[in-house]
């Protein structure tokens, strides 16, 4: 552990992705960290969990730049450099966590214009980007031989990767305990400068960092929840080496390989704060689209259907509100694993008073967000 010249007593509210990462990196700098979590640090399936557990763990700056902006692309490039370096600080584990094999975009022959449209939009948003490659049918089969041979053209986005996110969150939770982070589970809180309010009263700290996601809606009035739904299947009949996106006029389905012959499938983005189970329509669309990627998925076993709410502002971009004694970070939307490294590093710069402005666009002057 690095020695910090002036260690602080820091409270972090929320043990989702941002909260865990900040607790970890600040503890490695020598700070005294107390992490407050409304639920469990290691929640079981089918219980209330942070959006980071529902996510697919894609680190896809090219794909997300097309639906956002060039800043997201640049923060995503930073994430691709940051994740492998951070993971070196975890104890060695038999499960590999980070992969930088790119991602593959395919479309049915009648929908190949979607690939052309993607390239046009990418070149418009990030004109300097050339880290992608057009593929023929034989190229696709060489890369992913278990996909259906019907796909005539595809795009390989070389500058993308993915993370085994649930395994990472589990390992990181264990590491926080090992490092001596004080974890206060089942403890919903409210925050203000240098103070945490629990049901038992108020506790004082040198600094409070609020990463509660939608739990911070009482302070961040413009924060909203965006519903996402995922399907988890298990099969040994097919193997994928990288995330695959199926481009379609109505949706863009993604399939991400996970350990133990598991795959996570998602596509839905619904403007609703409804946390109820996956709808029949969504499950049918996800399942039928998955089958068209490879008929071998027909025998896959459905092991989980999951829903969650992603915290987002109106522009779907993250924000950091810095005030004396209080930092509020929120709004990762669906870009959690892509943008979290940039948000964390900017907050670390604020805490350590490092004048290097990594991502100044994230900083806000008012907490009225």
Protein backbone atom coordinates (compact mmCIF):
# COMPACT_ATOMS: atom_id res chain seq x y z
CA UNK A 1 0.00 0.00 0.00
CA UNK A 2 1.28 3.45 -0.86
CA UNK A 3 1.81 5.87 2.00
CA UNK A 4 -0.24 9.05 1.86
CA UNK A 5 1.37 12.12 3.45
CA UNK A 6 -1.97 13.44 4.74
CA UNK A 7 -4.38 10.52 5.02
CA UNK A 8 -8.02 11.50 5.38
CA UNK A 9 -11.06 9.84 6.89
CA UNK A 10 -13.29 9.44 3.86
CA UNK A 11 -16.87 8.14 3.71
CA UNK A 12 -18.15 6.71 0.44
CA UNK A 13 -21.90 6.28 0.00
CA UNK A 14 -22.84 3.49 -2.40
CA UNK A 15 -20.95 0.25 -3.12
CA UNK A 16 -21.75 -0.01 -6.80
CA UNK A 17 -19.02 0.21 -9.42
CA UNK A 18 -17.93 3.79 -8.65
CA UNK A 19 -18.09 3.35 -4.89
CA UNK A 20 -16.02 0.16 -4.90
CA UNK A 21 -13.43 1.54 -7.28
CA UNK A 22 -13.01 4.73 -5.27
CA UNK A 23 -12.81 2.84 -1.98
CA UNK A 24 -10.14 0.60 -3.50
CA UNK A 25 -7.98 3.26 -5.11
CA UNK A 26 -8.22 5.66 -2.16
CA UNK A 27 -7.39 2.88 0.31
CA UNK A 28 -4.30 2.02 -1.74
CA UNK A 29 -3.28 5.67 -1.32
CA UNK A 30 -3.43 5.24 2.46
CA UNK A 31 -6.76 6.90 3.28
CA UNK A 32 -9.09 5.60 6.02
CA UNK A 33 -12.21 4.51 4.12
CA UNK A 34 -15.72 3.74 5.36
CA UNK A 35 -18.05 2.38 2.66
CA UNK A 36 -21.80 2.65 3.23
CA UNK A 37 -24.11 0.36 1.23
CA UNK A 38 -27.92 0.28 1.34
CA UNK A 39 -27.90 -3.47 0.58
CA UNK A 40 -25.25 -6.18 0.74
CA UNK A 41 -21.69 -5.80 -0.49
CA UNK A 42 -21.96 -9.22 -2.17
CA UNK A 43 -25.67 -9.44 -3.06
CA UNK A 44 -27.27 -12.71 -4.06
CA UNK A 45 -29.06 -13.18 -7.37
CA UNK A 46 -32.63 -11.92 -7.55
CA UNK A 47 -31.98 -9.33 -4.83
CA UNK A 48 -31.63 -5.56 -5.10
CA UNK A 49 -28.24 -4.88 -6.68
CA UNK A 50 -26.34 -2.00 -8.21
CA UNK A 51 -26.62 -1.63 -11.98
CA UNK A 52 -22.99 -2.80 -12.27
CA UNK A 53 -24.11 -6.36 -11.51
CA UNK A 54 -26.68 -6.33 -14.33
CA UNK A 55 -24.31 -4.82 -16.91
CA UNK A 56 -22.50 -6.87 -19.55
CA UNK A 57 -19.11 -5.31 -18.81
CA UNK A 58 -18.40 -4.11 -22.35
CA UNK A 59 -15.70 -1.49 -22.82
CA UNK A 60 -16.77 -0.29 -26.22
CA UNK A 61 -15.66 3.28 -27.02
CA UNK A 62 -16.40 3.03 -30.75
CA UNK A 63 -19.88 1.59 -30.34
CA UNK A 64 -20.86 4.11 -27.68
CA UNK A 65 -19.32 7.10 -29.48
CA UNK A 66 -21.84 6.60 -32.27
CA UNK A 67 -24.74 7.21 -29.86
CA UNK A 68 -22.99 9.83 -27.70
CA UNK A 69 -19.98 11.99 -28.52
CA UNK A 70 -16.22 12.13 -28.99
CA UNK A 71 -15.61 12.68 -25.26
CA UNK A 72 -17.09 9.27 -24.54
CA UNK A 73 -14.72 7.80 -27.11
CA UNK A 74 -11.69 9.42 -25.47
CA UNK A 75 -12.75 8.36 -21.99
CA UNK A 76 -13.25 4.86 -23.37
CA UNK A 77 -9.72 4.85 -24.76
CA UNK A 78 -8.52 5.76 -21.27
CA UNK A 79 -10.53 2.88 -19.81
CA UNK A 80 -8.91 0.37 -22.16
CA UNK A 81 -5.52 1.46 -20.84
CA UNK A 82 -6.63 1.73 -17.22
CA UNK A 83 -8.42 -1.58 -16.63
CA UNK A 84 -5.46 -3.94 -17.21
CA UNK A 85 -3.25 -1.73 -15.02
CA UNK A 86 -5.77 -1.61 -12.18
CA UNK A 87 -6.38 -5.36 -12.30
CA UNK A 88 -2.69 -5.96 -11.58
CA UNK A 89 -3.41 -4.64 -8.06
CA UNK A 90 -5.87 -7.47 -7.34
CA UNK A 91 -4.57 -10.76 -5.89
CA UNK A 92 -3.89 -13.32 -8.59
CA UNK A 93 -6.95 -15.38 -9.46
CA UNK A 94 -7.54 -18.29 -11.79
CA UNK A 95 -10.29 -16.39 -13.63
CA UNK A 96 -9.03 -13.97 -16.27
CA UNK A 97 -11.06 -10.78 -16.01
CA UNK A 98 -10.16 -8.43 -18.87
CA UNK A 99 -10.09 -9.12 -22.61
CA UNK A 100 -9.00 -6.82 -25.43
CA UNK A 101 -10.04 -8.84 -28.47
CA UNK A 102 -12.28 -6.20 -30.00
CA UNK A 103 -15.96 -6.66 -30.74
CA UNK A 104 -17.75 -7.88 -33.83
CA UNK A 105 -20.70 -6.19 -35.55
CA UNK A 106 -22.82 -8.28 -37.92
CA UNK A 107 -26.13 -7.80 -39.71
CA UNK A 108 -28.47 -9.99 -41.69
CA UNK A 109 -28.03 -9.49 -45.48
CA UNK A 110 -31.22 -7.41 -45.69
CA UNK A 111 -29.95 -5.15 -42.88
CA UNK A 112 -26.36 -4.55 -44.06
CA UNK A 113 -27.15 -0.86 -44.51
CA UNK A 114 -27.07 -0.68 -40.71
CA UNK A 115 -23.34 -1.45 -40.84
CA UNK A 116 -22.77 1.28 -43.41
CA UNK A 117 -24.76 3.71 -41.29
CA UNK A 118 -22.68 2.80 -38.24
CA UNK A 119 -19.44 3.52 -40.11
CA UNK A 120 -20.77 6.87 -41.37
CA UNK A 121 -21.82 7.96 -37.89
CA UNK A 122 -18.54 6.80 -36.37
CA UNK A 123 -16.53 8.78 -38.92
CA UNK A 124 -18.65 11.83 -38.21
CA UNK A 125 -18.25 11.65 -34.41
CA UNK A 126 -14.62 10.47 -34.31
CA UNK A 127 -13.09 11.26 -37.73
CA UNK A 128 -9.59 10.36 -36.52
CA UNK A 129 -10.60 6.79 -35.66
CA UNK A 130 -9.40 4.05 -38.00
CA UNK A 131 -9.35 1.13 -35.56
CA UNK A 132 -11.96 -0.95 -37.30
CA UNK A 133 -11.94 -3.38 -40.19
CA UNK A 134 -14.53 -4.57 -42.71
CA UNK A 135 -14.90 -8.37 -42.78
CA UNK A 136 -16.14 -10.79 -45.40
CA UNK A 137 -18.18 -13.89 -44.63
CA UNK A 138 -15.02 -16.03 -44.49
CA UNK A 139 -13.35 -13.46 -42.20
CA UNK A 140 -16.29 -13.67 -39.81
CA UNK A 141 -16.15 -17.47 -39.81
CA UNK A 142 -12.42 -17.40 -39.11
CA UNK A 143 -12.93 -15.09 -36.14
CA UNK A 144 -16.10 -16.67 -34.74
CA UNK A 145 -16.62 -20.08 -36.37
CA UNK A 146 -19.71 -20.87 -34.26
CA UNK A 147 -21.73 -17.97 -35.68
CA UNK A 148 -24.28 -18.65 -38.40
CA UNK A 149 -22.69 -18.58 -41.89
CA UNK A 150 -25.49 -16.34 -43.18
CA UNK A 151 -23.61 -13.12 -42.30
CA UNK A 152 -21.96 -11.81 -45.45
CA UNK A 153 -20.29 -8.71 -44.01
CA UNK A 154 -19.23 -7.46 -40.61
CA UNK A 155 -17.16 -4.88 -38.79
CA UNK A 156 -14.39 -5.77 -36.38
CA UNK A 157 -13.96 -2.95 -33.86
CA UNK A 158 -10.41 -3.66 -32.75
CA UNK A 159 -10.35 -0.90 -30.13
CA UNK A 160 -12.87 -2.52 -27.82
CA UNK A 161 -12.81 -5.03 -24.98
CA UNK A 162 -14.87 -6.58 -22.21
CA UNK A 163 -14.64 -7.41 -18.55
CA UNK A 164 -16.06 -10.30 -16.53
CA UNK A 165 -17.87 -7.79 -14.36
CA UNK A 166 -19.61 -9.92 -11.74
CA UNK A 167 -16.44 -11.85 -11.05
CA UNK A 168 -14.56 -8.56 -10.79
CA UNK A 169 -17.10 -7.04 -8.39
CA UNK A 170 -16.94 -10.15 -6.20
CA UNK A 171 -13.14 -10.13 -6.12
CA UNK A 172 -13.01 -6.39 -5.47
CA UNK A 173 -15.49 -6.70 -2.60
CA UNK A 174 -13.27 -9.35 -0.99
CA UNK A 175 -10.20 -7.17 -1.59
CA UNK A 176 -11.79 -4.18 0.14
CA UNK A 177 -12.28 -6.27 3.26
CA UNK A 178 -8.71 -7.55 3.08
CA UNK A 179 -7.37 -4.00 2.78
CA UNK A 180 -9.23 -2.88 5.89
CA UNK A 181 -12.00 -0.81 4.33
CA UNK A 182 -14.80 -0.53 6.88
CA UNK A 183 -17.96 -1.75 5.11
CA UNK A 184 -21.35 -0.80 6.55
CA UNK A 185 -23.93 -3.01 4.84
CA UNK A 186 -27.73 -2.62 4.93
CA UNK A 187 -27.16 1.02 5.79
CA UNK A 188 -28.99 3.55 3.58
CA UNK A 189 -27.71 7.06 4.11
CA UNK A 190 -28.07 10.70 3.15
CA UNK A 191 -25.03 12.88 2.56
CA UNK A 192 -23.82 16.41 3.01
CA UNK A 193 -20.43 18.08 3.36
CA UNK A 194 -18.29 16.08 5.82
CA UNK A 195 -21.36 14.25 7.16
CA UNK A 196 -23.19 10.96 6.67
CA UNK A 197 -26.72 10.63 8.04
CA UNK A 198 -27.80 7.10 9.01
CA UNK A 199 -30.86 5.89 10.90
CA UNK A 200 -28.69 5.99 14.03
CA UNK A 201 -27.63 9.59 13.62
CA UNK A 202 -24.89 11.67 12.00
CA UNK A 203 -21.25 10.69 11.50
CA UNK A 204 -18.50 13.16 10.63
CA UNK A 205 -15.65 12.67 8.12
CA UNK A 206 -12.98 14.77 6.47
CA UNK A 207 -14.62 14.11 3.10
CA UNK A 208 -17.81 12.45 1.83
CA UNK A 209 -18.08 11.00 -1.67
CA UNK A 210 -21.62 10.22 -2.82
CA UNK A 211 -21.85 7.45 -5.47
CA UNK A 212 -25.36 6.19 -4.69
CA UNK A 213 -26.73 6.05 -8.23
CA UNK A 214 -30.49 6.47 -8.09
CA UNK A 215 -30.26 6.60 -4.31
CA UNK A 216 -29.08 10.19 -4.76
CA UNK A 217 -32.30 11.37 -6.47
CA UNK A 218 -33.25 13.33 -3.35
CA UNK A 219 -30.26 15.60 -4.06
CA UNK A 220 -29.94 15.33 -7.83
CA UNK A 221 -33.40 16.26 -9.04
CA UNK A 222 -32.55 15.80 -12.74
CA UNK A 223 -31.30 12.25 -12.27
CA UNK A 224 -33.52 9.59 -13.82
CA UNK A 225 -33.56 5.80 -14.07
CA UNK A 226 -33.42 4.07 -17.45
CA UNK A 227 -34.63 0.48 -17.43
CA UNK A 228 -32.42 -2.23 -18.92
CA UNK A 229 -33.17 -5.93 -19.30
CA UNK A 230 -30.77 -8.82 -19.82
CA UNK A 231 -31.03 -12.51 -20.52
CA UNK A 232 -28.41 -15.00 -19.27
CA UNK A 233 -28.02 -18.36 -20.96
CA UNK A 234 -25.69 -21.29 -20.58
CA UNK A 235 -24.55 -23.68 -23.29
CA UNK A 236 -21.44 -25.65 -24.19
CA UNK A 237 -22.59 -25.88 -27.82
CA UNK A 238 -21.16 -22.53 -28.87
CA UNK A 239 -18.08 -20.50 -28.08
CA UNK A 240 -17.52 -16.80 -28.68
CA UNK A 241 -14.19 -15.04 -28.23
CA UNK A 242 -15.49 -11.47 -28.07
CA UNK A 243 -18.77 -9.52 -27.77
CA UNK A 244 -20.97 -9.75 -30.86
CA UNK A 245 -23.52 -7.09 -31.78
CA UNK A 246 -26.39 -7.80 -34.15
CA UNK A 247 -27.32 -4.60 -35.98
CA UNK A 248 -31.04 -4.34 -36.70
CA UNK A 249 -33.32 -1.43 -37.67
CA UNK A 250 -35.33 -1.82 -34.45
CA UNK A 251 -32.68 -2.85 -31.91
CA UNK A 252 -29.00 -3.64 -31.48
CA UNK A 253 -28.66 -6.91 -29.61
CA UNK A 254 -25.35 -7.74 -27.96
CA UNK A 255 -24.02 -11.08 -26.75
CA UNK A 256 -21.05 -11.16 -24.38
CA UNK A 257 -19.23 -14.36 -23.40
CA UNK A 258 -18.83 -15.02 -19.68
CA UNK A 259 -17.10 -17.75 -17.64
CA UNK A 260 -18.45 -21.32 -17.41
CA UNK A 261 -20.20 -21.38 -20.82
CA UNK A 262 -22.43 -18.45 -19.94
CA UNK A 263 -23.55 -15.61 -22.19
CA UNK A 264 -25.30 -12.37 -21.36
CA UNK A 265 -27.68 -10.93 -23.95
CA UNK A 266 -29.12 -7.44 -23.91
CA UNK A 267 -30.60 -4.75 -26.08
CA UNK A 268 -33.38 -3.00 -24.24
CA UNK A 269 -33.25 0.64 -23.15
CA UNK A 270 -36.60 1.77 -21.81
CA UNK A 271 -37.44 5.22 -20.45
CA UNK A 272 -39.03 3.88 -17.30
CA UNK A 273 -38.17 3.51 -13.63
CA UNK A 274 -40.04 0.22 -13.41
CA UNK A 275 -37.98 -2.51 -11.72
CA UNK A 276 -40.47 -5.32 -12.37
CA UNK A 277 -39.36 -8.55 -14.13
CA UNK A 278 -38.47 -8.84 -17.82
CA UNK A 279 -41.46 -8.52 -20.14
CA UNK A 280 -42.57 -11.31 -22.47
CA UNK A 281 -41.98 -9.06 -25.50
CA UNK A 282 -38.37 -8.40 -24.47
CA UNK A 283 -37.65 -12.05 -23.75
CA UNK A 284 -39.07 -13.12 -27.11
CA UNK A 285 -37.08 -10.49 -29.02
CA UNK A 286 -33.83 -11.28 -27.19
CA UNK A 287 -34.30 -15.02 -27.63
CA UNK A 288 -35.27 -14.94 -31.30
CA UNK A 289 -32.43 -12.58 -32.21
CA UNK A 290 -29.99 -14.79 -30.30
CA UNK A 291 -31.17 -17.83 -32.25
CA UNK A 292 -30.48 -16.06 -35.57
CA UNK A 293 -26.86 -15.49 -34.50
CA UNK A 294 -26.43 -19.21 -34.18
CA UNK A 295 -29.02 -22.03 -34.18
CA UNK A 296 -26.86 -23.72 -31.53
CA UNK A 297 -28.31 -21.27 -29.03
CA UNK A 298 -31.65 -23.08 -29.36
CA UNK A 299 -30.50 -25.63 -26.79
CA UNK A 300 -29.09 -23.03 -24.40
CA UNK A 301 -30.57 -23.02 -20.90
CA UNK A 302 -31.99 -19.77 -19.60
CA UNK A 303 -30.41 -19.34 -16.18
CA UNK A 304 -31.41 -15.77 -15.38
CA UNK A 305 -33.49 -12.82 -16.52
CA UNK A 306 -32.44 -9.55 -14.95
CA UNK A 307 -33.68 -5.97 -14.88
CA UNK A 308 -32.18 -2.85 -13.37
CA UNK A 309 -32.22 0.94 -13.60
CA UNK A 310 -29.23 2.84 -14.91
CA UNK A 311 -28.78 6.29 -13.34
CA UNK A 312 -28.65 8.97 -16.02
CA UNK A 313 -28.88 12.72 -16.55
CA UNK A 314 -30.69 14.20 -19.53
CA UNK A 315 -27.56 14.14 -21.71
CA UNK A 316 -26.74 10.56 -20.61
CA UNK A 317 -23.25 11.65 -19.53
CA UNK A 318 -21.65 11.35 -16.07
CA UNK A 319 -21.06 14.35 -13.84
CA UNK A 320 -18.90 15.14 -10.82
CA UNK A 321 -20.10 17.84 -8.42
CA UNK A 322 -17.26 19.09 -6.22
CA UNK A 323 -17.91 21.15 -3.11
CA UNK A 324 -15.83 21.58 0.06
CA UNK A 325 -16.19 18.38 2.06
CA UNK A 326 -18.49 16.69 -0.48
CA UNK A 327 -18.01 15.14 -3.92
CA UNK A 328 -21.01 13.72 -5.77
CA UNK A 329 -20.43 11.46 -8.80
CA UNK A 330 -23.30 9.99 -10.79
CA UNK A 331 -24.90 9.39 -14.18
CA UNK A 332 -22.85 6.54 -15.66
CA UNK A 333 -25.98 5.47 -17.59
CA UNK A 334 -25.19 2.36 -19.65
CA UNK A 335 -21.51 3.26 -19.96
CA UNK A 336 -20.44 2.14 -16.48
CA UNK A 337 -17.33 0.08 -17.19
CA UNK A 338 -16.42 2.34 -20.10
CA UNK A 339 -16.49 5.65 -18.21
CA UNK A 340 -15.85 4.70 -14.57
CA UNK A 341 -12.03 4.88 -14.88
CA UNK A 342 -12.19 8.47 -16.14
CA UNK A 343 -14.61 9.48 -13.36
CA UNK A 344 -12.51 7.75 -10.69
CA UNK A 345 -9.23 9.27 -11.86
CA UNK A 346 -10.75 12.76 -11.95
CA UNK A 347 -12.03 12.33 -8.38
CA UNK A 348 -8.63 11.04 -7.25
CA UNK A 349 -7.07 14.15 -8.75
CA UNK A 350 -9.50 16.29 -6.74
CA UNK A 351 -8.85 14.42 -3.49
CA UNK A 352 -5.07 14.50 -3.87
CA UNK A 353 -5.19 18.09 -5.17
CA UNK A 354 -3.39 17.04 -8.31
CA UNK A 355 -3.68 19.98 -10.69
CA UNK A 356 -3.57 17.74 -13.75
CA UNK A 357 -6.98 18.12 -15.40
CA UNK A 358 -7.69 14.70 -16.82
CA UNK A 359 -11.32 15.09 -17.89
CA UNK A 360 -12.42 18.63 -16.94
CA UNK A 361 -15.71 18.28 -18.84
CA UNK A 362 -16.92 15.94 -16.07
CA UNK A 363 -16.71 18.65 -13.41
CA UNK A 364 -19.79 20.67 -12.51
CA UNK A 365 -19.97 23.89 -10.52
CA UNK A 366 -23.37 23.33 -8.94
CA UNK A 367 -24.86 20.32 -7.17
CA UNK A 368 -28.34 21.27 -8.37
CA UNK A 369 -28.00 18.66 -11.17
